Amino acid sequence: MPEPHDPLRNAFKQAAVAGQAQARPVPASLISERGTRRQRRRLALVAATACLAFAGTGAAAVAALLPGGDPGTGVPASSPSGPSSELPSVLPSSPPVSSSSSSLTRTTPPATSVPPRAPVGTVSGTPTAPPTGGATDTQPPPD
C-alpha cells in the first residue's frame, strides 16, 4: 500500500539526509583526551576529599590531646556538699557589736555547742560513717 503524499514528512527526510552528509565523526584522540581529563578531575576530587577528612580527624585528635582544649572533656570538679567540719555548726544568736559602741560587751557562742566530730577512720568507740552526698574516697583494705 503506497503512502499518501505528506509534505511535512518529506521535509524531515530531506533535513536528515542533509545532516548526515555534513556530519563527521570526532577523532579518537579527542575522545580519549576528554576521558583522561574527566578521570584526572575525578581523581583530584577524591584526593581533596581524603585530605580534608584526614585533616579534620587529625585536628580533632590534636585538640583532644592538648591541655585545656575542651573544658567539657576533662574530669568534672566536685563541689563540697553538706556542712564542713571546720565551720561551727551552731551560730551565735546575737549579732556582733559594732566597734563604734562605747560598751565593752563580748559575744560568745552558746554553751550548747555540738562536740567536734572525730575524723573519718579514727577509733573513737563509736562507728563513724563517711559524709553522705559528697565524693568519697573508696580504697580497698590493706592486705
C-alpha atoms as a PDB file:
ATOM      1  CA  MET A   1       0.000   0.000   0.000  1.00  0.00           C
ATOM      2  CA  PRO A   2       1.573   3.272  -1.075  1.00  0.00           C
ATOM      3  CA  GLU A   3       1.832   6.038   1.498  1.00  0.00           C
ATOM      4  CA  PRO A   4      -0.048   9.243   0.932  1.00  0.00           C
ATOM      5  CA  HIS A   5       1.930  12.301  -0.004  1.00  0.00           C
ATOM      6  CA  ASP A   6       2.829  14.197   3.227  1.00  0.00           C
ATOM      7  CA  PRO A   7       4.814  17.426   2.766  1.00  0.00           C
ATOM      8  CA  LEU A   8       5.970  17.603   6.405  1.00  0.00           C
ATOM      9  CA  ARG A   9       7.292  14.054   6.332  1.00  0.00           C
ATOM     10  CA  ASN A  10       9.239  14.741   3.121  1.00  0.00           C
ATOM     11  CA  ALA A  11      10.776  17.898   4.647  1.00  0.00           C
ATOM     12  CA  PHE A  12      12.038  15.937   7.663  1.00  0.00           C
ATOM     13  CA  LYS A  13      13.581  13.270   5.423  1.00  0.00           C
ATOM     14  CA  GLN A  14      15.414  15.878   3.376  1.00  0.00           C
ATOM     15  CA  ALA A  15      16.761  17.532   6.553  1.00  0.00           C
ATOM     16  CA  ALA A  16      18.007  14.162   7.836  1.00  0.00           C
ATOM     17  CA  VAL A  17      19.841  13.404   4.580  1.00  0.00           C
ATOM     18  CA  ALA A  18      21.476  16.852   4.585  1.00  0.00           C
ATOM     19  CA  GLY A  19      22.552  16.452   8.241  1.00  0.00           C
ATOM     20  CA  GLN A  20      24.109  13.037   7.610  1.00  0.00           C
ATOM     21  CA  ALA A  21      26.098  14.406   4.695  1.00  0.00           C
ATOM     22  CA  GLN A  22      27.607  17.185   6.836  1.00  0.00           C
ATOM     23  CA  ALA A  23      28.203  15.104   9.983  1.00  0.00           C
ATOM     24  CA  ARG A  24      31.718  13.878  10.611  1.00  0.00           C
ATOM     25  CA  PRO A  25      32.820  11.667  13.475  1.00  0.00           C
ATOM     26  CA  VAL A  26      35.047  13.188  16.147  1.00  0.00           C
ATOM     27  CA  PRO A  27      38.650  11.936  16.023  1.00  0.00           C
ATOM     28  CA  ALA A  28      39.508   9.218  18.556  1.00  0.00           C
ATOM     29  CA  SER A  29      42.298  11.337  20.040  1.00  0.00           C
ATOM     30  CA  LEU A  30      39.792  13.997  21.139  1.00  0.00           C
ATOM     31  CA  ILE A  31      37.548  11.372  22.719  1.00  0.00           C
ATOM     32  CA  SER A  32      40.404   9.773  24.662  1.00  0.00           C
ATOM     33  CA  GLU A  33      41.683  13.222  25.737  1.00  0.00           C
ATOM     34  CA  ARG A  34      38.225  14.079  27.076  1.00  0.00           C
ATOM     35  CA  GLY A  35      38.124  10.794  29.040  1.00  0.00           C
ATOM     36  CA  THR A  36      41.592  11.417  30.500  1.00  0.00           C
ATOM     37  CA  ARG A  37      40.586  14.909  31.573  1.00  0.00           C
ATOM     38  CA  ARG A  38      37.459  13.574  33.291  1.00  0.00           C
ATOM     39  CA  GLN A  39      39.488  10.865  35.067  1.00  0.00           C
ATOM     40  CA  ARG A  40      42.011  13.437  36.354  1.00  0.00           C
ATOM     41  CA  ARG A  41      39.242  15.659  37.706  1.00  0.00           C
ATOM     42  CA  ARG A  42      37.604  12.710  39.463  1.00  0.00           C
ATOM     43  CA  LEU A  43      40.947  11.638  40.993  1.00  0.00           C
ATOM     44  CA  ALA A  44      41.658  15.205  42.163  1.00  0.00           C
ATOM     45  CA  LEU A  45      38.215  15.372  43.782  1.00  0.00           C
ATOM     46  CA  VAL A  46      38.770  12.081  45.632  1.00  0.00           C
ATOM     47  CA  ALA A  47      42.241  13.199  46.780  1.00  0.00           C
ATOM     48  CA  ALA A  48      40.932  16.570  48.029  1.00  0.00           C
ATOM     49  CA  THR A  49      38.106  14.857  49.924  1.00  0.00           C
ATOM     50  CA  ALA A  50      40.539  12.423  51.535  1.00  0.00           C
ATOM     51  CA  CYS A  51      42.881  15.267  52.549  1.00  0.00           C
ATOM     52  CA  LEU A  52      40.039  17.206  54.153  1.00  0.00           C
ATOM     53  CA  ALA A  53      38.825  14.128  56.006  1.00  0.00           C
ATOM     54  CA  PHE A  54      42.301  13.300  57.359  1.00  0.00           C
ATOM     55  CA  ALA A  55      42.961  16.941  58.261  1.00  0.00           C
ATOM     56  CA  GLY A  56      39.694  17.162  60.180  1.00  0.00           C
ATOM     57  CA  THR A  57      40.383  13.910  62.012  1.00  0.00           C
ATOM     58  CA  GLY A  58      43.943  14.980  62.815  1.00  0.00           C
ATOM     59  CA  ALA A  59      42.804  18.385  64.083  1.00  0.00           C
ATOM     60  CA  ALA A  60      40.230  16.746  66.344  1.00  0.00           C
ATOM     61  CA  ALA A  61      42.848  14.346  67.719  1.00  0.00           C
ATOM     62  CA  VAL A  62      45.328  17.150  68.388  1.00  0.00           C
ATOM     63  CA  ALA A  63      42.642  19.271  70.069  1.00  0.00           C
ATOM     64  CA  ALA A  64      41.709  16.370  72.314  1.00  0.00           C
ATOM     65  CA  LEU A  65      45.338  15.794  73.331  1.00  0.00           C
ATOM     66  CA  LEU A  66      46.208  19.414  74.067  1.00  0.00           C
ATOM     67  CA  PRO A  67      45.753  20.516  77.684  1.00  0.00           C
ATOM     68  CA  GLY A  68      42.838  22.878  78.153  1.00  0.00           C
ATOM     69  CA  GLY A  69      41.463  22.129  74.702  1.00  0.00           C
ATOM     70  CA  ASP A  70      37.858  21.370  75.559  1.00  0.00           C
ATOM     71  CA  PRO A  71      36.664  22.001  79.110  1.00  0.00           C
ATOM     72  CA  GLY A  72      33.792  19.550  78.707  1.00  0.00           C
ATOM     73  CA  THR A  73      36.039  16.509  78.247  1.00  0.00           C
ATOM     74  CA  GLY A  74      38.077  16.790  81.464  1.00  0.00           C
ATOM     75  CA  VAL A  75      37.319  15.378  84.874  1.00  0.00           C
ATOM     76  CA  PRO A  76      34.427  17.325  86.407  1.00  0.00           C
ATOM     77  CA  ALA A  77      35.165  19.321  89.509  1.00  0.00           C
ATOM     78  CA  SER A  78      33.303  18.228  92.606  1.00  0.00           C
ATOM     79  CA  SER A  79      31.869  20.769  94.967  1.00  0.00           C
ATOM     80  CA  PRO A  80      31.707  20.001  98.643  1.00  0.00           C
ATOM     81  CA  SER A  81      28.259  19.178  99.881  1.00  0.00           C
ATOM     82  CA  GLY A  82      26.959  19.125 103.392  1.00  0.00           C
ATOM     83  CA  PRO A  83      28.352  21.029 106.369  1.00  0.00           C
ATOM     84  CA  SER A  84      32.098  21.321 106.617  1.00  0.00           C
ATOM     85  CA  SER A  85      33.807  20.083 109.793  1.00  0.00           C
ATOM     86  CA  GLU A  86      35.799  23.343 110.033  1.00  0.00           C
ATOM     87  CA  LEU A  87      32.756  25.598 110.272  1.00  0.00           C
ATOM     88  CA  PRO A  88      30.791  25.830 113.513  1.00  0.00           C
ATOM     89  CA  SER A  89      27.507  24.013 113.306  1.00  0.00           C
ATOM     90  CA  VAL A  90      25.681  26.499 115.595  1.00  0.00           C
ATOM     91  CA  LEU A  91      25.961  30.226 115.013  1.00  0.00           C
ATOM     92  CA  PRO A  92      25.664  32.813 117.819  1.00  0.00           C
ATOM     93  CA  SER A  93      22.140  34.090 118.365  1.00  0.00           C
ATOM     94  CA  SER A  94      23.058  37.742 118.925  1.00  0.00           C
ATOM     95  CA  PRO A  95      24.701  39.855 116.249  1.00  0.00           C
ATOM     96  CA  PRO A  96      28.242  41.089 116.943  1.00  0.00           C
ATOM     97  CA  VAL A  97      28.575  44.528 118.477  1.00  0.00           C
ATOM     98  CA  SER A  98      29.940  47.223 116.222  1.00  0.00           C
ATOM     99  CA  SER A  99      33.208  48.938 117.106  1.00  0.00           C
ATOM    100  CA  SER A 100      31.512  52.320 117.427  1.00  0.00           C
ATOM    101  CA  SER A 101      29.650  51.365 120.606  1.00  0.00           C
ATOM    102  CA  SER A 102      31.112  52.506 123.888  1.00  0.00           C
ATOM    103  CA  SER A 103      30.254  49.424 125.922  1.00  0.00           C
ATOM    104  CA  LEU A 104      32.688  46.557 126.121  1.00  0.00           C
ATOM    105  CA  THR A 105      30.445  43.588 125.555  1.00  0.00           C
ATOM    106  CA  ARG A 106      31.712  40.408 124.038  1.00  0.00           C
ATOM    107  CA  THR A 107      29.698  37.848 122.144  1.00  0.00           C
ATOM    108  CA  THR A 108      30.397  34.225 122.909  1.00  0.00           C
ATOM    109  CA  PRO A 109      28.995  31.130 121.312  1.00  0.00           C
ATOM    110  CA  PRO A 110      26.153  29.487 123.220  1.00  0.00           C
ATOM    111  CA  ALA A 111      27.047  26.893 125.808  1.00  0.00           C
ATOM    112  CA  THR A 112      25.169  24.154 123.959  1.00  0.00           C
ATOM    113  CA  SER A 113      27.510  23.622 121.059  1.00  0.00           C
ATOM    114  CA  VAL A 114      27.882  20.375 119.153  1.00  0.00           C
ATOM    115  CA  PRO A 115      31.055  18.458 120.052  1.00  0.00           C
ATOM    116  CA  PRO A 116      33.557  18.241 117.209  1.00  0.00           C
ATOM    117  CA  ARG A 117      33.372  15.139 115.074  1.00  0.00           C
ATOM    118  CA  ALA A 118      36.238  12.720 115.014  1.00  0.00           C
ATOM    119  CA  PRO A 119      37.970  12.396 111.631  1.00  0.00           C
ATOM    120  CA  VAL A 120      36.807   9.530 109.460  1.00  0.00           C
ATOM    121  CA  GLY A 121      38.753   6.349 110.090  1.00  0.00           C
ATOM    122  CA  THR A 122      39.769   7.009 113.711  1.00  0.00           C
ATOM    123  CA  VAL A 123      38.793   4.766 116.572  1.00  0.00           C
ATOM    124  CA  SER A 124      36.521   6.630 118.955  1.00  0.00           C
ATOM    125  CA  GLY A 125      34.400   3.832 120.358  1.00  0.00           C
ATOM    126  CA  THR A 126      31.508   4.615 118.004  1.00  0.00           C
ATOM    127  CA  PRO A 127      31.447   3.680 114.360  1.00  0.00           C
ATOM    128  CA  THR A 128      31.894   6.579 112.000  1.00  0.00           C
ATOM    129  CA  ALA A 129      30.478   6.776 108.505  1.00  0.00           C
ATOM    130  CA  PRO A 130      31.736   8.891 105.623  1.00  0.00           C
ATOM    131  CA  PRO A 131      29.666  12.006 104.894  1.00  0.00           C
ATOM    132  CA  THR A 132      26.763  11.378 102.566  1.00  0.00           C
ATOM    133  CA  GLY A 133      26.136  13.190  99.305  1.00  0.00           C
ATOM    134  CA  GLY A 134      29.739  14.131  98.550  1.00  0.00           C
ATOM    135  CA  ALA A 135      32.613  12.485  96.812  1.00  0.00           C
ATOM    136  CA  THR A 136      34.169   9.744  98.916  1.00  0.00           C
ATOM    137  CA  ASP A 137      37.498   8.015  98.573  1.00  0.00           C
ATOM    138  CA  THR A 138      36.997   4.311  98.373  1.00  0.00           C
ATOM    139  CA  GLN A 139      40.162   2.305  98.783  1.00  0.00           C
ATOM    140  CA  PRO A 140      40.420  -1.435  99.245  1.00  0.00           C
ATOM    141  CA  PRO A 141      41.526  -2.597 102.711  1.00  0.00           C
ATOM    142  CA  PRO A 142      45.257  -3.267 103.056  1.00  0.00           C
ATOM    143  CA  ASP A 143      46.292  -6.914 102.769  1.00  0.00           C
END
